C-alpha atoms as a PDB file:
ATOM      1  CA  UNK A   1      -0.178   0.027  -0.001  1.00  0.00           C
ATOM      2  CA  UNK A   2       1.338   3.483  -1.351  1.00  0.00           C
ATOM      3  CA  UNK A   3       1.677   6.126   1.721  1.00  0.00           C
ATOM      4  CA  UNK A   4      -0.749   8.323  -0.416  1.00  0.00           C
ATOM      5  CA  UNK A   5      -4.037   5.678  -0.177  1.00  0.00           C
ATOM      6  CA  UNK A   6      -2.042   5.086   3.825  1.00  0.00           C
ATOM      7  CA  UNK A   7      -2.893   8.779   4.681  1.00  0.00           C
ATOM      8  CA  UNK A   8      -5.886   8.280   2.396  1.00  0.00           C
ATOM      9  CA  UNK A   9      -7.018   5.678   4.890  1.00  0.00           C
ATOM     10  CA  UNK A  10      -6.025   6.855   7.759  1.00  0.00           C
ATOM     11  CA  UNK A  11      -8.149  10.651   7.520  1.00  0.00           C
ATOM     12  CA  UNK A  12     -11.378   8.475   6.542  1.00  0.00           C
ATOM     13  CA  UNK A  13     -10.768   5.922   9.700  1.00  0.00           C
ATOM     14  CA  UNK A  14      -9.238   8.950  11.885  1.00  0.00           C
ATOM     15  CA  UNK A  15     -12.904  10.030  11.091  1.00  0.00           C
ATOM     16  CA  UNK A  16     -14.844   7.455  11.296  1.00  0.00           C
ATOM     17  CA  UNK A  17     -13.229   6.294  14.442  1.00  0.00           C
ATOM     18  CA  UNK A  18     -14.016  10.424  16.316  1.00  0.00           C
ATOM     19  CA  UNK A  19     -17.048   9.978  15.501  1.00  0.00           C
ATOM     20  CA  UNK A  20     -18.226   6.660  16.587  1.00  0.00           C
ATOM     21  CA  UNK A  21     -16.535   8.126  20.234  1.00  0.00           C
ATOM     22  CA  UNK A  22     -18.677  11.397  19.196  1.00  0.00           C
ATOM     23  CA  UNK A  23     -21.925   9.303  19.557  1.00  0.00           C
ATOM     24  CA  UNK A  24     -21.384   7.826  22.221  1.00  0.00           C
ATOM     25  CA  UNK A  25     -21.241  11.046  24.537  1.00  0.00           C
ATOM     26  CA  UNK A  26     -17.354  11.089  24.408  1.00  0.00           C
ATOM     27  CA  UNK A  27     -17.250  15.269  23.964  1.00  0.00           C
ATOM     28  CA  UNK A  28     -13.351  14.737  22.973  1.00  0.00           C
ATOM     29  CA  UNK A  29     -14.005  13.738  19.579  1.00  0.00           C
ATOM     30  CA  UNK A  30     -16.100  16.012  18.824  1.00  0.00           C
ATOM     31  CA  UNK A  31     -14.282  18.908  19.695  1.00  0.00           C
ATOM     32  CA  UNK A  32     -11.452  16.934  17.943  1.00  0.00           C
ATOM     33  CA  UNK A  33     -13.940  16.484  15.112  1.00  0.00           C
ATOM     34  CA  UNK A  34     -14.696  20.696  15.793  1.00  0.00           C
ATOM     35  CA  UNK A  35     -10.852  21.626  15.435  1.00  0.00           C
ATOM     36  CA  UNK A  36     -10.644  18.915  12.304  1.00  0.00           C
ATOM     37  CA  UNK A  37     -13.139  20.934  10.526  1.00  0.00           C
ATOM     38  CA  UNK A  38     -13.288  24.400  11.891  1.00  0.00           C
ATOM     39  CA  UNK A  39     -11.966  26.542   8.784  1.00  0.00           C
ATOM     40  CA  UNK A  40     -12.835  23.833   5.686  1.00  0.00           C
ATOM     41  CA  UNK A  41     -16.958  24.988   7.405  1.00  0.00           C
ATOM     42  CA  UNK A  42     -16.351  28.453   7.533  1.00  0.00           C
ATOM     43  CA  UNK A  43     -14.597  28.542   4.029  1.00  0.00           C
ATOM     44  CA  UNK A  44     -17.412  26.710   2.301  1.00  0.00           C
ATOM     45  CA  UNK A  45     -19.638  29.469   4.413  1.00  0.00           C
ATOM     46  CA  UNK A  46     -17.250  32.838   3.152  1.00  0.00           C
ATOM     47  CA  UNK A  47     -18.746  31.490  -0.590  1.00  0.00           C
ATOM     48  CA  UNK A  48     -21.936  32.810   0.543  1.00  0.00           C
ATOM     49  CA  UNK A  49     -21.602  34.910   3.265  1.00  0.00           C
ATOM     50  CA  UNK A  50     -18.694  37.488   3.212  1.00  0.00           C
ATOM     51  CA  UNK A  51     -19.449  39.510   6.465  1.00  0.00           C
ATOM     52  CA  UNK A  52     -16.610  37.409   8.954  1.00  0.00           C
ATOM     53  CA  UNK A  53     -18.877  37.251  11.968  1.00  0.00           C
ATOM     54  CA  UNK A  54     -21.801  35.731   9.724  1.00  0.00           C
ATOM     55  CA  UNK A  55     -19.687  33.552   8.643  1.00  0.00           C
ATOM     56  CA  UNK A  56     -18.703  32.659  13.419  1.00  0.00           C
ATOM     57  CA  UNK A  57     -22.198  32.830  13.315  1.00  0.00           C
ATOM     58  CA  UNK A  58     -23.161  30.405  10.739  1.00  0.00           C
ATOM     59  CA  UNK A  59     -20.334  28.303  11.773  1.00  0.00           C
ATOM     60  CA  UNK A  60     -21.347  27.987  15.195  1.00  0.00           C
ATOM     61  CA  UNK A  61     -24.971  26.866  14.085  1.00  0.00           C
ATOM     62  CA  UNK A  62     -23.614  24.319  11.323  1.00  0.00           C
ATOM     63  CA  UNK A  63     -21.336  22.358  14.586  1.00  0.00           C
ATOM     64  CA  UNK A  64     -24.777  22.028  16.970  1.00  0.00           C
ATOM     65  CA  UNK A  65     -26.673  20.611  13.562  1.00  0.00           C
ATOM     66  CA  UNK A  66     -23.916  18.570  12.805  1.00  0.00           C
ATOM     67  CA  UNK A  67     -23.958  17.316  16.955  1.00  0.00           C
ATOM     68  CA  UNK A  68     -27.832  16.556  16.981  1.00  0.00           C
ATOM     69  CA  UNK A  69     -27.598  15.164  13.887  1.00  0.00           C
ATOM     70  CA  UNK A  70     -24.432  12.629  14.783  1.00  0.00           C
ATOM     71  CA  UNK A  71     -26.821   9.978  15.759  1.00  0.00           C
ATOM     72  CA  UNK A  72     -28.529   9.550  12.327  1.00  0.00           C
ATOM     73  CA  UNK A  73     -24.938   9.720  10.182  1.00  0.00           C
ATOM     74  CA  UNK A  74     -24.442   5.924   8.720  1.00  0.00           C
ATOM     75  CA  UNK A  75     -21.619   7.107   6.582  1.00  0.00           C
ATOM     76  CA  UNK A  76     -22.558   6.329   3.861  1.00  0.00           C
ATOM     77  CA  UNK A  77     -20.825   9.571   2.442  1.00  0.00           C
ATOM     78  CA  UNK A  78     -17.275  10.594   3.938  1.00  0.00           C
ATOM     79  CA  UNK A  79     -17.621  12.616   6.704  1.00  0.00           C
ATOM     80  CA  UNK A  80     -17.116  16.144   5.749  1.00  0.00           C
ATOM     81  CA  UNK A  81     -18.747  15.176   2.351  1.00  0.00           C
ATOM     82  CA  UNK A  82     -21.413  15.173   4.867  1.00  0.00           C
ATOM     83  CA  UNK A  83     -21.031  18.164   7.470  1.00  0.00           C
ATOM     84  CA  UNK A  84     -20.022  20.285   3.715  1.00  0.00           C
ATOM     85  CA  UNK A  85     -23.981  20.084   2.530  1.00  0.00           C
ATOM     86  CA  UNK A  86     -24.833  20.784   6.188  1.00  0.00           C
ATOM     87  CA  UNK A  87     -22.483  23.962   5.795  1.00  0.00           C
ATOM     88  CA  UNK A  88     -24.018  24.660   2.229  1.00  0.00           C
ATOM     89  CA  UNK A  89     -27.698  24.708   2.549  1.00  0.00           C
ATOM     90  CA  UNK A  90     -26.945  26.626   6.528  1.00  0.00           C
ATOM     91  CA  UNK A  91     -25.383  29.216   4.322  1.00  0.00           C
ATOM     92  CA  UNK A  92     -28.736  29.310   1.626  1.00  0.00           C
ATOM     93  CA  UNK A  93     -31.274  29.354   4.262  1.00  0.00           C
ATOM     94  CA  UNK A  94     -29.304  31.878   6.513  1.00  0.00           C
ATOM     95  CA  UNK A  95     -29.673  34.229   3.155  1.00  0.00           C
ATOM     96  CA  UNK A  96     -33.320  33.273   2.767  1.00  0.00           C
ATOM     97  CA  UNK A  97     -33.917  34.294   6.240  1.00  0.00           C
ATOM     98  CA  UNK A  98     -32.507  37.170   6.334  1.00  0.00           C
ATOM     99  CA  UNK A  99     -34.290  38.442   2.464  1.00  0.00           C
ATOM    100  CA  UNK A 100     -30.751  37.988   0.455  1.00  0.00           C
ATOM    101  CA  UNK A 101     -30.512  36.671  -2.332  1.00  0.00           C
ATOM    102  CA  UNK A 102     -28.021  33.967  -3.031  1.00  0.00           C
ATOM    103  CA  UNK A 103     -25.671  35.109  -5.041  1.00  0.00           C
ATOM    104  CA  UNK A 104     -23.026  31.638  -5.576  1.00  0.00           C
ATOM    105  CA  UNK A 105     -24.687  29.429  -6.854  1.00  0.00           C
ATOM    106  CA  UNK A 106     -21.707  27.518  -8.637  1.00  0.00           C
ATOM    107  CA  UNK A 107     -20.728  25.910  -5.712  1.00  0.00           C
ATOM    108  CA  UNK A 108     -21.202  21.794  -5.497  1.00  0.00           C
ATOM    109  CA  UNK A 109     -21.200  19.216  -3.172  1.00  0.00           C
ATOM    110  CA  UNK A 110     -18.575  17.954  -5.715  1.00  0.00           C
ATOM    111  CA  UNK A 111     -16.448  20.690  -5.043  1.00  0.00           C
ATOM    112  CA  UNK A 112     -16.654  19.011  -0.952  1.00  0.00           C
ATOM    113  CA  UNK A 113     -13.264  17.898  -0.856  1.00  0.00           C
ATOM    114  CA  UNK A 114     -11.096  20.602  -3.181  1.00  0.00           C
ATOM    115  CA  UNK A 115     -12.228  23.020   0.051  1.00  0.00           C
ATOM    116  CA  UNK A 116      -9.585  24.266   2.379  1.00  0.00           C
ATOM    117  CA  UNK A 117      -7.578  21.551   1.502  1.00  0.00           C
ATOM    118  CA  UNK A 118      -4.763  24.324   0.158  1.00  0.00           C
ATOM    119  CA  UNK A 119      -1.539  25.621   2.875  1.00  0.00           C
ATOM    120  CA  UNK A 120      -3.235  28.657   3.521  1.00  0.00           C
ATOM    121  CA  UNK A 121      -6.124  26.035   5.387  1.00  0.00           C
ATOM    122  CA  UNK A 122      -2.999  25.526   7.382  1.00  0.00           C
ATOM    123  CA  UNK A 123      -2.251  28.107   7.981  1.00  0.00           C
ATOM    124  CA  UNK A 124      -5.056  29.215  10.606  1.00  0.00           C
ATOM    125  CA  UNK A 125      -4.991  26.661  11.789  1.00  0.00           C
ATOM    126  CA  UNK A 126      -4.327  27.372  16.441  1.00  0.00           C
ATOM    127  CA  UNK A 127      -1.263  25.303  17.383  1.00  0.00           C
ATOM    128  CA  UNK A 128      -3.348  23.451  19.777  1.00  0.00           C
ATOM    129  CA  UNK A 129      -5.917  22.051  16.532  1.00  0.00           C
ATOM    130  CA  UNK A 130      -2.477  21.326  14.599  1.00  0.00           C
ATOM    131  CA  UNK A 131      -0.687  19.540  17.119  1.00  0.00           C
ATOM    132  CA  UNK A 132      -4.270  17.497  17.810  1.00  0.00           C
ATOM    133  CA  UNK A 133      -4.140  16.737  14.078  1.00  0.00           C
ATOM    134  CA  UNK A 134      -0.495  15.677  13.747  1.00  0.00           C
ATOM    135  CA  UNK A 135      -0.976  13.452  16.933  1.00  0.00           C
ATOM    136  CA  UNK A 136      -4.620  11.491  15.866  1.00  0.00           C
ATOM    137  CA  UNK A 137      -3.126  11.101  12.537  1.00  0.00           C
ATOM    138  CA  UNK A 138       0.453   9.669  13.866  1.00  0.00           C
ATOM    139  CA  UNK A 139      -1.438   7.982  15.995  1.00  0.00           C
ATOM    140  CA  UNK A 140      -4.100   6.071  13.643  1.00  0.00           C
ATOM    141  CA  UNK A 141      -1.619   5.322  11.235  1.00  0.00           C
ATOM    142  CA  UNK A 142       0.606   3.706  13.334  1.00  0.00           C
ATOM    143  CA  UNK A 143      -2.526   1.175  14.848  1.00  0.00           C
ATOM    144  CA  UNK A 144      -3.749   0.651  10.531  1.00  0.00           C
ATOM    145  CA  UNK A 145      -0.081   0.052   9.874  1.00  0.00           C
ATOM    146  CA  UNK A 146      -0.088  -2.656  12.937  1.00  0.00           C
ATOM    147  CA  UNK A 147      -3.137  -3.958  12.303  1.00  0.00           C
ATOM    148  CA  UNK A 148      -3.407  -8.060  10.718  1.00  0.00           C
ATOM    149  CA  UNK A 149      -3.751  -8.011   6.984  1.00  0.00           C
ATOM    150  CA  UNK A 150      -7.058  -9.567   7.218  1.00  0.00           C
ATOM    151  CA  UNK A 151      -8.435  -6.547   9.500  1.00  0.00           C
ATOM    152  CA  UNK A 152      -6.898  -3.728   7.056  1.00  0.00           C
ATOM    153  CA  UNK A 153      -8.355  -4.759   4.414  1.00  0.00           C
ATOM    154  CA  UNK A 154     -11.764  -4.625   5.850  1.00  0.00           C
ATOM    155  CA  UNK A 155     -11.550  -1.790   7.510  1.00  0.00           C
ATOM    156  CA  UNK A 156     -10.108   0.215   4.011  1.00  0.00           C
ATOM    157  CA  UNK A 157     -13.274  -1.350   1.881  1.00  0.00           C
ATOM    158  CA  UNK A 158     -15.747  -0.399   4.757  1.00  0.00           C
ATOM    159  CA  UNK A 159     -13.966   3.352   5.168  1.00  0.00           C
ATOM    160  CA  UNK A 160     -12.325   4.692   2.078  1.00  0.00           C
ATOM    161  CA  UNK A 161     -13.786   2.939  -0.477  1.00  0.00           C
ATOM    162  CA  UNK A 162     -17.234   2.532   1.373  1.00  0.00           C
ATOM    163  CA  UNK A 163     -18.508  -0.217   0.340  1.00  0.00           C
ATOM    164  CA  UNK A 164     -21.468  -2.295   2.231  1.00  0.00           C
ATOM    165  CA  UNK A 165     -20.626  -5.238   4.451  1.00  0.00           C
ATOM    166  CA  UNK A 166     -22.561  -7.219   1.917  1.00  0.00           C
ATOM    167  CA  UNK A 167     -19.626  -6.150  -1.020  1.00  0.00           C
ATOM    168  CA  UNK A 168     -16.741  -6.299   1.260  1.00  0.00           C
ATOM    169  CA  UNK A 169     -18.202 -10.142   1.914  1.00  0.00           C
ATOM    170  CA  UNK A 170     -17.522 -10.590  -1.324  1.00  0.00           C
ATOM    171  CA  UNK A 171     -14.399  -8.835  -2.030  1.00  0.00           C
ATOM    172  CA  UNK A 172     -13.282 -11.053   0.581  1.00  0.00           C
ATOM    173  CA  UNK A 173     -14.624 -13.757  -0.657  1.00  0.00           C
ATOM    174  CA  UNK A 174     -16.108 -14.305   3.489  1.00  0.00           C
ATOM    175  CA  UNK A 175     -20.023 -14.604   5.273  1.00  0.00           C
ATOM    176  CA  UNK A 176     -21.017 -11.027   6.358  1.00  0.00           C
ATOM    177  CA  UNK A 177     -20.655 -11.947   9.802  1.00  0.00           C
ATOM    178  CA  UNK A 178     -16.600 -13.060   9.559  1.00  0.00           C
ATOM    179  CA  UNK A 179     -17.177  -8.601   7.792  1.00  0.00           C
ATOM    180  CA  UNK A 180     -18.547  -7.375  10.665  1.00  0.00           C
ATOM    181  CA  UNK A 181     -15.780  -9.435  12.899  1.00  0.00           C
ATOM    182  CA  UNK A 182     -13.097  -7.873  11.837  1.00  0.00           C
ATOM    183  CA  UNK A 183     -13.904  -5.113  11.237  1.00  0.00           C
ATOM    184  CA  UNK A 184     -15.316  -4.691  14.814  1.00  0.00           C
ATOM    185  CA  UNK A 185     -11.605  -5.599  16.127  1.00  0.00           C
ATOM    186  CA  UNK A 186      -9.720  -3.130  13.416  1.00  0.00           C
ATOM    187  CA  UNK A 187     -11.507  -0.180  15.130  1.00  0.00           C
ATOM    188  CA  UNK A 188     -11.061  -2.000  18.492  1.00  0.00           C
ATOM    189  CA  UNK A 189      -7.846  -1.380  17.574  1.00  0.00           C
ATOM    190  CA  UNK A 190      -7.522   2.071  16.149  1.00  0.00           C
ATOM    191  CA  UNK A 191     -10.035   3.086  19.612  1.00  0.00           C
ATOM    192  CA  UNK A 192      -7.094   1.475  22.303  1.00  0.00           C
ATOM    193  CA  UNK A 193      -4.825   3.545  20.013  1.00  0.00           C
ATOM    194  CA  UNK A 194      -6.400   6.585  20.373  1.00  0.00           C
ATOM    195  CA  UNK A 195      -8.528   6.141  23.825  1.00  0.00           C
ATOM    196  CA  UNK A 196      -5.054   8.149  25.699  1.00  0.00           C
ATOM    197  CA  UNK A 197      -4.989  11.061  23.088  1.00  0.00           C
ATOM    198  CA  UNK A 198      -8.285  11.710  23.296  1.00  0.00           C
ATOM    199  CA  UNK A 199      -8.641  11.432  27.501  1.00  0.00           C
ATOM    200  CA  UNK A 200      -5.247  13.807  27.060  1.00  0.00           C
ATOM    201  CA  UNK A 201      -7.550  16.126  24.976  1.00  0.00           C
ATOM    202  CA  UNK A 202     -10.520  15.942  27.489  1.00  0.00           C
ATOM    203  CA  UNK A 203      -8.609  16.895  30.646  1.00  0.00           C
ATOM    204  CA  UNK A 204      -6.670  19.468  28.922  1.00  0.00           C
ATOM    205  CA  UNK A 205      -9.742  21.261  27.511  1.00  0.00           C
ATOM    206  CA  UNK A 206     -11.541  21.237  31.552  1.00  0.00           C
ATOM    207  CA  UNK A 207      -7.846  22.351  32.906  1.00  0.00           C
ATOM    208  CA  UNK A 208      -8.349  25.575  30.296  1.00  0.00           C
ATOM    209  CA  UNK A 209     -12.267  25.930  31.271  1.00  0.00           C
END
């Protein structure tokens, strides 16, 4: 597996793991998702709204909606594609509610992965966000690399390629129950690797407050 595929896998699997933990009520995991995507969301909103304070208000509304809707997120699309759609719709609704014309009609959902992906995005991150992301991605990549090949293949097909359990079973020529077991074990190993960082992040947040 080349480094690009490894990076792609670690990114998507990291999102999936943080989403699963956030669904379980672990606020540190949700806060890390916010850290990872707050600037990208702001960049999307800025395609519709130019006032900096309004952008901040709409971004806050986006993450409130994300938090409330998270239990219903099934992972059919990537987490960022999902949050991107929420950001676009919230921006449009914000303008409509204020009887203002939607100026930018060229923003399409398919552009999601391109927003905020350049170096300017990283330069706007806070030091804490950069550190958290770097630590998480390093730990995630290491955890994935150490997985047995069957677990690694199953988690890649699910989280990177977006295959259903039935499709993975056909691809790996094994029962669906085996697929579920492999994905569960892979996620459990990843969870064990990330848990110390999430607990450290939670303590840090509490100390800041």
